[in-house]
Each structure stands twice: as structure tokens, then as C-alpha cells.
């Protein structure tokens, strides 16, 4: 792997991180707005909506804390090979650790939020007959299980990709 390869991969990783940041920001805005509306228009579900809002805030905070650093521009425009490889290595390690620790920072609040939502709809269905909610419940739970499982598997796959990139980068830096 040459310095140009490292620089190109670092730019690609930086773009991917920026795209994920935008997706996370849009997700936070949509969820906060939606559940604020639930609190306003469905007072019977206020507690549930408040729990979901808190979980969204916790997830967003954890995401911001764990995401790779944003000092890409200096490293990518620098002519020094060490600065570029240092940035790329640091970003890879942080992204790998973030995806490996998905069950610590993301899954518990997300699962809690979904559980609160499900319980809220079962206990106090908003203008929907309870039997319809109970009939939809298995599909809702199955969908949650599938989504969380796919997210977890995707995170594991991302962590493995980051490991492979780190090994290639280490081989390059030790060879030079």
C-alpha cells in the first residue's frame, strides 16, 4: 500500500464518516420531532415518548463521543506520510472500536426505547382497538429482532473490515 493509497482510503473513510454523521443527525431530528408530537397529541403515551426521547439523546451523545476524530483535512493535505497514516490509523481504530462496542452504547437504549414503545401501545393504544395492537405485536417484535440483528451483524462486518485495513496499514508503515 503506497502513501497515495493511504491518502485515498483516508479520504474515503472520512467521507463515509461524514455521511454517517449526516444520517445520525437526520435520525435524531426526525425521532425527536416525532416523539415530541406524540407527547403533544397522544397524552396517554407521554411517558413512553419521554423514554424514547431520552434514549435518542443518549444514543446521539454516545455516537458523538465515540465517532472518529474530524482532523482529516490537516492529515490529508499534509505531505508528511506519518501525519496521513497517523490520521488514518486513528480513524480506523476509533471506527473499529465504535462498531465493536455497539452493544454497549447503542443497543441497550435502542432496545429500551422500542420496549417502552411496545408496552405503551399495548397498555394504552392510541385510538386503535387493543386487539389490533395485539395482533400486530408479533410482527412488530419480529421486525425489531430482524433490524437489531442485521445492525449487529453489519457492525461486526465493519469491525472486521477495519481490522483488515489496520493490518494493511501496519504492514505498510513497518515496511517503510
C-alpha atoms as a PDB file:
ATOM      1  CA  UNK A   1       0.000   0.000   0.000  1.00  0.00           C
ATOM      2  CA  UNK A   2       1.502   3.331  -1.077  1.00  0.00           C
ATOM      3  CA  UNK A   3       1.107   6.742   0.530  1.00  0.00           C
ATOM      4  CA  UNK A   4      -1.356   7.707  -2.208  1.00  0.00           C
ATOM      5  CA  UNK A   5      -3.407   4.610  -1.396  1.00  0.00           C
ATOM      6  CA  UNK A   6      -3.412   5.558   2.280  1.00  0.00           C
ATOM      7  CA  UNK A   7      -4.404   9.126   1.423  1.00  0.00           C
ATOM      8  CA  UNK A   8      -7.230   7.921  -0.859  1.00  0.00           C
ATOM      9  CA  UNK A   9      -8.500   5.403   1.713  1.00  0.00           C
ATOM     10  CA  UNK A  10      -8.357   8.067   4.414  1.00  0.00           C
ATOM     11  CA  UNK A  11     -10.443  10.394   2.235  1.00  0.00           C
ATOM     12  CA  UNK A  12     -12.927   7.599   1.544  1.00  0.00           C
ATOM     13  CA  UNK A  13     -13.192   6.809   5.255  1.00  0.00           C
ATOM     14  CA  UNK A  14     -13.618  10.495   6.053  1.00  0.00           C
ATOM     15  CA  UNK A  15     -16.468  10.771   3.516  1.00  0.00           C
ATOM     16  CA  UNK A  16     -18.107   7.674   4.976  1.00  0.00           C
ATOM     17  CA  UNK A  17     -17.868   9.122   8.487  1.00  0.00           C
ATOM     18  CA  UNK A  18     -19.351  12.425   7.282  1.00  0.00           C
ATOM     19  CA  UNK A  19     -22.228  10.561   5.597  1.00  0.00           C
ATOM     20  CA  UNK A  20     -22.891   8.587   8.795  1.00  0.00           C
ATOM     21  CA  UNK A  21     -22.828  11.834  10.789  1.00  0.00           C
ATOM     22  CA  UNK A  22     -25.485  13.325   8.488  1.00  0.00           C
ATOM     23  CA  UNK A  23     -27.641  10.185   8.735  1.00  0.00           C
ATOM     24  CA  UNK A  24     -27.344  10.228  12.529  1.00  0.00           C
ATOM     25  CA  UNK A  25     -28.251  13.929  12.689  1.00  0.00           C
ATOM     26  CA  UNK A  26     -31.314  13.447  10.464  1.00  0.00           C
ATOM     27  CA  UNK A  27     -32.364  10.412  12.504  1.00  0.00           C
ATOM     28  CA  UNK A  28     -32.072  12.355  15.763  1.00  0.00           C
ATOM     29  CA  UNK A  29     -34.065  15.298  14.389  1.00  0.00           C
ATOM     30  CA  UNK A  30     -36.813  13.070  12.978  1.00  0.00           C
ATOM     31  CA  UNK A  31     -37.112  10.969  16.133  1.00  0.00           C
ATOM     32  CA  UNK A  32     -37.095  13.930  18.487  1.00  0.00           C
ATOM     33  CA  UNK A  33     -39.716  15.714  16.388  1.00  0.00           C
ATOM     34  CA  UNK A  34     -41.898  12.632  16.023  1.00  0.00           C
ATOM     35  CA  UNK A  35     -41.899  11.778  19.707  1.00  0.00           C
ATOM     36  CA  UNK A  36     -42.389  15.403  20.731  1.00  0.00           C
ATOM     37  CA  UNK A  37     -45.505  15.266  18.549  1.00  0.00           C
ATOM     38  CA  UNK A  38     -46.524  12.007  20.245  1.00  0.00           C
ATOM     39  CA  UNK A  39     -46.165  13.705  23.636  1.00  0.00           C
ATOM     40  CA  UNK A  40     -48.307  16.608  22.459  1.00  0.00           C
ATOM     41  CA  UNK A  41     -51.062  14.784  20.557  1.00  0.00           C
ATOM     42  CA  UNK A  42     -51.216  11.483  22.466  1.00  0.00           C
ATOM     43  CA  UNK A  43     -51.079  12.390  26.148  1.00  0.00           C
ATOM     44  CA  UNK A  44     -51.651   8.770  27.180  1.00  0.00           C
ATOM     45  CA  UNK A  45     -48.249   7.941  25.679  1.00  0.00           C
ATOM     46  CA  UNK A  46     -46.336  10.869  27.200  1.00  0.00           C
ATOM     47  CA  UNK A  47     -44.199   8.709  29.474  1.00  0.00           C
ATOM     48  CA  UNK A  48     -43.367   6.338  26.637  1.00  0.00           C
ATOM     49  CA  UNK A  49     -42.482   9.221  24.320  1.00  0.00           C
ATOM     50  CA  UNK A  50     -40.312  10.765  27.035  1.00  0.00           C
ATOM     51  CA  UNK A  51     -38.429   7.463  27.451  1.00  0.00           C
ATOM     52  CA  UNK A  52     -37.863   7.241  23.699  1.00  0.00           C
ATOM     53  CA  UNK A  53     -36.660  10.875  23.578  1.00  0.00           C
ATOM     54  CA  UNK A  54     -34.201  10.183  26.385  1.00  0.00           C
ATOM     55  CA  UNK A  55     -32.911   7.085  24.551  1.00  0.00           C
ATOM     56  CA  UNK A  56     -32.442   9.130  21.359  1.00  0.00           C
ATOM     57  CA  UNK A  57     -30.454  11.738  23.287  1.00  0.00           C
ATOM     58  CA  UNK A  58     -28.328   9.029  24.963  1.00  0.00           C
ATOM     59  CA  UNK A  59     -27.597   7.338  21.626  1.00  0.00           C
ATOM     60  CA  UNK A  60     -26.723  10.654  19.934  1.00  0.00           C
ATOM     61  CA  UNK A  61     -24.441  11.628  22.810  1.00  0.00           C
ATOM     62  CA  UNK A  62     -22.684   8.267  22.764  1.00  0.00           C
ATOM     63  CA  UNK A  63     -22.327   8.451  18.980  1.00  0.00           C
ATOM     64  CA  UNK A  64     -20.725  11.881  19.147  1.00  0.00           C
ATOM     65  CA  UNK A  65     -18.378  10.731  21.901  1.00  0.00           C
ATOM     66  CA  UNK A  66     -17.256   7.623  20.052  1.00  0.00           C
ATOM     67  CA  UNK A  67     -17.050   8.714  16.422  1.00  0.00           C
ATOM     68  CA  UNK A  68     -13.636   9.096  14.798  1.00  0.00           C
ATOM     69  CA  UNK A  69     -11.929  12.467  15.073  1.00  0.00           C
ATOM     70  CA  UNK A  70     -12.580  15.124  12.462  1.00  0.00           C
ATOM     71  CA  UNK A  71      -8.978  16.310  11.972  1.00  0.00           C
ATOM     72  CA  UNK A  72      -8.901  14.783   8.490  1.00  0.00           C
ATOM     73  CA  UNK A  73      -8.156  17.913   6.487  1.00  0.00           C
ATOM     74  CA  UNK A  74      -4.735  18.568   8.037  1.00  0.00           C
ATOM     75  CA  UNK A  75      -3.640  14.957   7.636  1.00  0.00           C
ATOM     76  CA  UNK A  76      -4.986  14.573   4.119  1.00  0.00           C
ATOM     77  CA  UNK A  77      -3.418  17.762   2.781  1.00  0.00           C
ATOM     78  CA  UNK A  78      -0.131  17.215   4.571  1.00  0.00           C
ATOM     79  CA  UNK A  79       2.811  15.918   2.561  1.00  0.00           C
ATOM     80  CA  UNK A  80       4.121  14.041   5.548  1.00  0.00           C
ATOM     81  CA  UNK A  81       3.427  10.332   5.263  1.00  0.00           C
ATOM     82  CA  UNK A  82       3.413   9.965   9.036  1.00  0.00           C
ATOM     83  CA  UNK A  83       0.621  12.508   9.545  1.00  0.00           C
ATOM     84  CA  UNK A  84      -1.599  10.877   6.934  1.00  0.00           C
ATOM     85  CA  UNK A  85      -1.040   7.339   8.177  1.00  0.00           C
ATOM     86  CA  UNK A  86      -1.466   8.527  11.776  1.00  0.00           C
ATOM     87  CA  UNK A  87      -4.847  10.084  10.977  1.00  0.00           C
ATOM     88  CA  UNK A  88      -5.983   7.049   9.012  1.00  0.00           C
ATOM     89  CA  UNK A  89      -4.867   4.624  11.727  1.00  0.00           C
ATOM     90  CA  UNK A  90      -6.558   6.695  14.444  1.00  0.00           C
ATOM     91  CA  UNK A  91      -9.812   6.898  12.469  1.00  0.00           C
ATOM     92  CA  UNK A  92      -9.748   3.157  11.740  1.00  0.00           C
ATOM     93  CA  UNK A  93      -9.146   2.264  15.390  1.00  0.00           C
ATOM     94  CA  UNK A  94     -11.930   4.552  16.625  1.00  0.00           C
ATOM     95  CA  UNK A  95     -14.385   3.314  13.990  1.00  0.00           C
ATOM     96  CA  UNK A  96     -13.484  -0.314  14.737  1.00  0.00           C
ATOM     97  CA  UNK A  97     -13.948   0.228  18.465  1.00  0.00           C
ATOM     98  CA  UNK A  98     -17.221   2.076  17.901  1.00  0.00           C
ATOM     99  CA  UNK A  99     -18.640  -0.774  15.850  1.00  0.00           C
ATOM    100  CA  UNK A 100     -17.316  -3.444  18.222  1.00  0.00           C
ATOM    101  CA  UNK A 101     -18.970  -1.717  21.188  1.00  0.00           C
ATOM    102  CA  UNK A 102     -22.369  -1.339  19.517  1.00  0.00           C
ATOM    103  CA  UNK A 103     -23.974  -3.497  22.220  1.00  0.00           C
ATOM    104  CA  UNK A 104     -22.690  -1.114  24.886  1.00  0.00           C
ATOM    105  CA  UNK A 105     -23.534   2.334  23.508  1.00  0.00           C
ATOM    106  CA  UNK A 106     -26.363   1.785  21.020  1.00  0.00           C
ATOM    107  CA  UNK A 107     -28.323  -1.401  21.538  1.00  0.00           C
ATOM    108  CA  UNK A 108     -29.400  -1.024  25.195  1.00  0.00           C
ATOM    109  CA  UNK A 109     -31.012   2.411  24.781  1.00  0.00           C
ATOM    110  CA  UNK A 110     -32.468   1.460  21.384  1.00  0.00           C
ATOM    111  CA  UNK A 111     -33.961  -1.760  22.738  1.00  0.00           C
ATOM    112  CA  UNK A 112     -35.257   0.072  25.829  1.00  0.00           C
ATOM    113  CA  UNK A 113     -36.901   2.682  23.601  1.00  0.00           C
ATOM    114  CA  UNK A 114     -38.562   0.020  21.465  1.00  0.00           C
ATOM    115  CA  UNK A 115     -39.688  -1.933  24.538  1.00  0.00           C
ATOM    116  CA  UNK A 116     -41.206   1.216  26.041  1.00  0.00           C
ATOM    117  CA  UNK A 117     -42.962   1.945  22.767  1.00  0.00           C
ATOM    118  CA  UNK A 118     -44.356  -1.578  22.530  1.00  0.00           C
ATOM    119  CA  UNK A 119     -45.529  -1.588  26.155  1.00  0.00           C
ATOM    120  CA  UNK A 120     -47.067   1.858  25.712  1.00  0.00           C
ATOM    121  CA  UNK A 121     -49.040   0.765  22.672  1.00  0.00           C
ATOM    122  CA  UNK A 122     -50.192  -2.445  24.394  1.00  0.00           C
ATOM    123  CA  UNK A 123     -51.209  -0.681  27.626  1.00  0.00           C
ATOM    124  CA  UNK A 124     -52.707   2.462  26.110  1.00  0.00           C
ATOM    125  CA  UNK A 125     -53.245   2.060  22.362  1.00  0.00           C
ATOM    126  CA  UNK A 126     -53.883   5.475  20.793  1.00  0.00           C
ATOM    127  CA  UNK A 127     -57.356   5.359  19.206  1.00  0.00           C
ATOM    128  CA  UNK A 128     -56.769   1.802  17.974  1.00  0.00           C
ATOM    129  CA  UNK A 129     -58.571  -1.274  19.279  1.00  0.00           C
ATOM    130  CA  UNK A 130     -56.285  -3.236  21.588  1.00  0.00           C
ATOM    131  CA  UNK A 131     -56.916  -6.473  19.690  1.00  0.00           C
ATOM    132  CA  UNK A 132     -55.406  -4.929  16.534  1.00  0.00           C
ATOM    133  CA  UNK A 133     -52.347  -3.862  18.514  1.00  0.00           C
ATOM    134  CA  UNK A 134     -52.038  -7.360  19.986  1.00  0.00           C
ATOM    135  CA  UNK A 135     -52.394  -8.919  16.522  1.00  0.00           C
ATOM    136  CA  UNK A 136     -49.637  -6.667  15.160  1.00  0.00           C
ATOM    137  CA  UNK A 137     -47.379  -7.236  18.180  1.00  0.00           C
ATOM    138  CA  UNK A 138     -45.612 -10.409  16.939  1.00  0.00           C
ATOM    139  CA  UNK A 139     -44.792  -8.732  13.610  1.00  0.00           C
ATOM    140  CA  UNK A 140     -43.548  -5.618  15.392  1.00  0.00           C
ATOM    141  CA  UNK A 141     -41.308  -7.654  17.690  1.00  0.00           C
ATOM    142  CA  UNK A 142     -40.074  -9.801  14.791  1.00  0.00           C
ATOM    143  CA  UNK A 143     -39.239  -6.668  12.795  1.00  0.00           C
ATOM    144  CA  UNK A 144     -37.296  -5.261  15.755  1.00  0.00           C
ATOM    145  CA  UNK A 145     -35.369  -8.508  16.175  1.00  0.00           C
ATOM    146  CA  UNK A 146     -34.502  -8.584  12.468  1.00  0.00           C
ATOM    147  CA  UNK A 147     -33.438  -4.914  12.403  1.00  0.00           C
ATOM    148  CA  UNK A 148     -31.312  -5.203  15.553  1.00  0.00           C
ATOM    149  CA  UNK A 149     -29.751  -8.460  14.355  1.00  0.00           C
ATOM    150  CA  UNK A 150     -28.895  -7.015  10.941  1.00  0.00           C
ATOM    151  CA  UNK A 151     -27.441  -3.920  12.594  1.00  0.00           C
ATOM    152  CA  UNK A 152     -25.308  -6.029  14.897  1.00  0.00           C
ATOM    153  CA  UNK A 153     -24.080  -8.227  12.022  1.00  0.00           C
ATOM    154  CA  UNK A 154     -23.298  -5.171   9.917  1.00  0.00           C
ATOM    155  CA  UNK A 155     -21.305  -3.681  12.803  1.00  0.00           C
ATOM    156  CA  UNK A 156     -19.320  -6.916  13.182  1.00  0.00           C
ATOM    157  CA  UNK A 157     -18.583  -6.930   9.447  1.00  0.00           C
ATOM    158  CA  UNK A 158     -17.453  -3.277   9.626  1.00  0.00           C
ATOM    159  CA  UNK A 159     -15.154  -4.060  12.565  1.00  0.00           C
ATOM    160  CA  UNK A 160     -13.559  -6.908  10.590  1.00  0.00           C
ATOM    161  CA  UNK A 161     -13.038  -4.584   7.603  1.00  0.00           C
ATOM    162  CA  UNK A 162     -11.353  -2.054   9.879  1.00  0.00           C
ATOM    163  CA  UNK A 163      -9.082  -4.826  11.244  1.00  0.00           C
ATOM    164  CA  UNK A 164      -8.015  -5.788   7.720  1.00  0.00           C
ATOM    165  CA  UNK A 165      -7.310  -2.138   6.865  1.00  0.00           C
ATOM    166  CA  UNK A 166      -5.307  -1.715  10.072  1.00  0.00           C
ATOM    167  CA  UNK A 167      -3.218  -4.806   9.260  1.00  0.00           C
ATOM    168  CA  UNK A 168      -2.500  -3.488   5.746  1.00  0.00           C
ATOM    169  CA  UNK A 169      -1.579  -0.066   7.112  1.00  0.00           C
ATOM    170  CA  UNK A 170       0.691  -1.583   9.755  1.00  0.00           C
ATOM    171  CA  UNK A 171       2.408  -3.675   7.085  1.00  0.00           C
ATOM    172  CA  UNK A 172       2.984  -0.536   5.010  1.00  0.00           C
ATOM    173  CA  UNK A 173       4.315   1.583   7.860  1.00  0.00           C
ATOM    174  CA  UNK A 174       6.613  -1.173   9.136  1.00  0.00           C
ATOM    175  CA  UNK A 175       7.969  -1.805   5.630  1.00  0.00           C
ATOM    176  CA  UNK A 176       8.987   1.817   5.138  1.00  0.00           C
END
